[in-house]
Amino acid sequence: KDGWAPLCQFLETDNCPHSPFPNTNTSLVMKVQTMSSFLVPLALLLFVLFTSFAFGFKRLTGFRFLQWFENKWLKLLGRTK
């Protein structure tokens, strides 16, 4: 049931192509499409979450996260900045 012939019979057309029927859905293509349909929204979600955290942290503390972490780390080591 593969190829142009069954399709042309179903559509009741006499103008059937003689070239091979295109077969583009290989297992590799399906794997790539599945992974990209999962990874792209996940990356977008993580970007939004981390950006929101960064802006919220800056607004609440007055420091960027790395500045705050450096100050805490230096205090823990006994070296004040």
C-alpha atoms as a PDB file:
ATOM      1  CA  LYS A   1       0.000   0.000   0.000  1.00  0.00           C
ATOM      2  CA  ASP A   2       2.992   2.309  -0.387  1.00  0.00           C
ATOM      3  CA  GLY A   3       3.694   4.659  -3.250  1.00  0.00           C
ATOM      4  CA  TRP A   4       1.751   6.802  -5.677  1.00  0.00           C
ATOM      5  CA  ALA A   5      -0.490   4.098  -7.159  1.00  0.00           C
ATOM      6  CA  PRO A   6      -2.840   3.595  -4.179  1.00  0.00           C
ATOM      7  CA  LEU A   7      -3.062   7.344  -3.660  1.00  0.00           C
ATOM      8  CA  CYS A   8      -3.876   7.984  -7.320  1.00  0.00           C
ATOM      9  CA  GLN A   9      -6.520   5.240  -7.238  1.00  0.00           C
ATOM     10  CA  PHE A  10      -8.099   6.772  -4.134  1.00  0.00           C
ATOM     11  CA  LEU A  11      -8.113  10.228  -5.704  1.00  0.00           C
ATOM     12  CA  GLU A  12      -9.398   8.731  -8.977  1.00  0.00           C
ATOM     13  CA  THR A  13      -6.800  10.492 -11.087  1.00  0.00           C
ATOM     14  CA  ASP A  14      -5.033   9.216 -14.192  1.00  0.00           C
ATOM     15  CA  ASN A  15      -2.133  11.651 -13.894  1.00  0.00           C
ATOM     16  CA  CYS A  16       0.008   9.554 -11.529  1.00  0.00           C
ATOM     17  CA  PRO A  17       3.718  10.517 -11.080  1.00  0.00           C
ATOM     18  CA  HIS A  18       6.396   7.995 -12.008  1.00  0.00           C
ATOM     19  CA  SER A  19       8.972   9.320  -9.550  1.00  0.00           C
ATOM     20  CA  PRO A  20       9.503   7.533  -6.218  1.00  0.00           C
ATOM     21  CA  PHE A  21       7.109   8.436  -3.421  1.00  0.00           C
ATOM     22  CA  PRO A  22       8.858  10.825  -0.973  1.00  0.00           C
ATOM     23  CA  ASN A  23       9.622   9.177   2.346  1.00  0.00           C
ATOM     24  CA  THR A  24      10.901  11.841   4.724  1.00  0.00           C
ATOM     25  CA  ASN A  25       9.775  10.591   8.132  1.00  0.00           C
ATOM     26  CA  THR A  26      12.762   8.438   9.012  1.00  0.00           C
ATOM     27  CA  SER A  27      13.321   7.376  12.596  1.00  0.00           C
ATOM     28  CA  LEU A  28      16.179   9.872  12.968  1.00  0.00           C
ATOM     29  CA  VAL A  29      13.978  12.742  11.781  1.00  0.00           C
ATOM     30  CA  MET A  30      11.250  11.703  14.205  1.00  0.00           C
ATOM     31  CA  LYS A  31      13.746  11.565  17.101  1.00  0.00           C
ATOM     32  CA  VAL A  32      15.076  15.027  16.285  1.00  0.00           C
ATOM     33  CA  GLN A  33      11.560  16.462  16.017  1.00  0.00           C
ATOM     34  CA  THR A  34      10.544  14.862  19.307  1.00  0.00           C
ATOM     35  CA  MET A  35      13.604  16.151  21.146  1.00  0.00           C
ATOM     36  CA  SER A  36      13.296  19.662  19.714  1.00  0.00           C
ATOM     37  CA  SER A  37       9.597  19.824  20.583  1.00  0.00           C
ATOM     38  CA  PHE A  38      10.615  19.070  24.180  1.00  0.00           C
ATOM     39  CA  LEU A  39      13.856  21.050  24.503  1.00  0.00           C
ATOM     40  CA  VAL A  40      12.818  24.357  22.935  1.00  0.00           C
ATOM     41  CA  PRO A  41       9.892  25.003  25.332  1.00  0.00           C
ATOM     42  CA  LEU A  42      12.004  23.788  28.267  1.00  0.00           C
ATOM     43  CA  ALA A  43      14.815  26.202  27.385  1.00  0.00           C
ATOM     44  CA  LEU A  44      12.338  29.057  27.055  1.00  0.00           C
ATOM     45  CA  LEU A  45      10.742  28.220  30.408  1.00  0.00           C
ATOM     46  CA  LEU A  46      14.120  28.069  32.165  1.00  0.00           C
ATOM     47  CA  PHE A  47      15.159  31.376  30.624  1.00  0.00           C
ATOM     48  CA  VAL A  48      11.998  33.065  31.889  1.00  0.00           C
ATOM     49  CA  LEU A  49      12.360  31.543  35.367  1.00  0.00           C
ATOM     50  CA  PHE A  50      16.026  32.463  35.798  1.00  0.00           C
ATOM     51  CA  THR A  51      15.497  35.963  34.419  1.00  0.00           C
ATOM     52  CA  SER A  52      12.570  36.522  36.776  1.00  0.00           C
ATOM     53  CA  PHE A  53      14.671  35.237  39.687  1.00  0.00           C
ATOM     54  CA  ALA A  54      17.566  37.539  38.760  1.00  0.00           C
ATOM     55  CA  PHE A  55      15.392  40.650  38.536  1.00  0.00           C
ATOM     56  CA  GLY A  56      13.506  39.757  41.714  1.00  0.00           C
ATOM     57  CA  PHE A  57      16.728  39.081  43.617  1.00  0.00           C
ATOM     58  CA  LYS A  58      18.237  42.386  42.482  1.00  0.00           C
ATOM     59  CA  ARG A  59      15.097  44.253  43.483  1.00  0.00           C
ATOM     60  CA  LEU A  60      14.885  42.618  46.930  1.00  0.00           C
ATOM     61  CA  THR A  61      18.562  42.723  47.925  1.00  0.00           C
ATOM     62  CA  GLY A  62      20.007  45.539  45.835  1.00  0.00           C
ATOM     63  CA  PHE A  63      22.750  43.169  44.650  1.00  0.00           C
ATOM     64  CA  ARG A  64      23.150  40.964  41.656  1.00  0.00           C
ATOM     65  CA  PHE A  65      23.267  37.331  42.708  1.00  0.00           C
ATOM     66  CA  LEU A  66      27.012  36.925  42.065  1.00  0.00           C
ATOM     67  CA  GLN A  67      27.812  40.119  43.973  1.00  0.00           C
ATOM     68  CA  TRP A  68      25.757  38.896  46.923  1.00  0.00           C
ATOM     69  CA  PHE A  69      27.383  35.448  46.767  1.00  0.00           C
ATOM     70  CA  GLU A  70      30.868  36.944  46.642  1.00  0.00           C
ATOM     71  CA  ASN A  71      30.153  39.097  49.714  1.00  0.00           C
ATOM     72  CA  LYS A  72      28.815  36.098  51.652  1.00  0.00           C
ATOM     73  CA  TRP A  73      31.762  33.935  50.586  1.00  0.00           C
ATOM     74  CA  LEU A  74      34.306  36.551  51.630  1.00  0.00           C
ATOM     75  CA  LYS A  75      32.577  36.981  55.007  1.00  0.00           C
ATOM     76  CA  LEU A  76      32.649  33.207  55.489  1.00  0.00           C
ATOM     77  CA  LEU A  77      36.390  33.149  54.756  1.00  0.00           C
ATOM     78  CA  GLY A  78      36.989  36.080  57.112  1.00  0.00           C
ATOM     79  CA  ARG A  79      37.994  38.482  54.364  1.00  0.00           C
ATOM     80  CA  THR A  80      35.696  41.455  54.010  1.00  0.00           C
ATOM     81  CA  LYS A  81      35.573  43.340  50.782  1.00  0.00           C
END
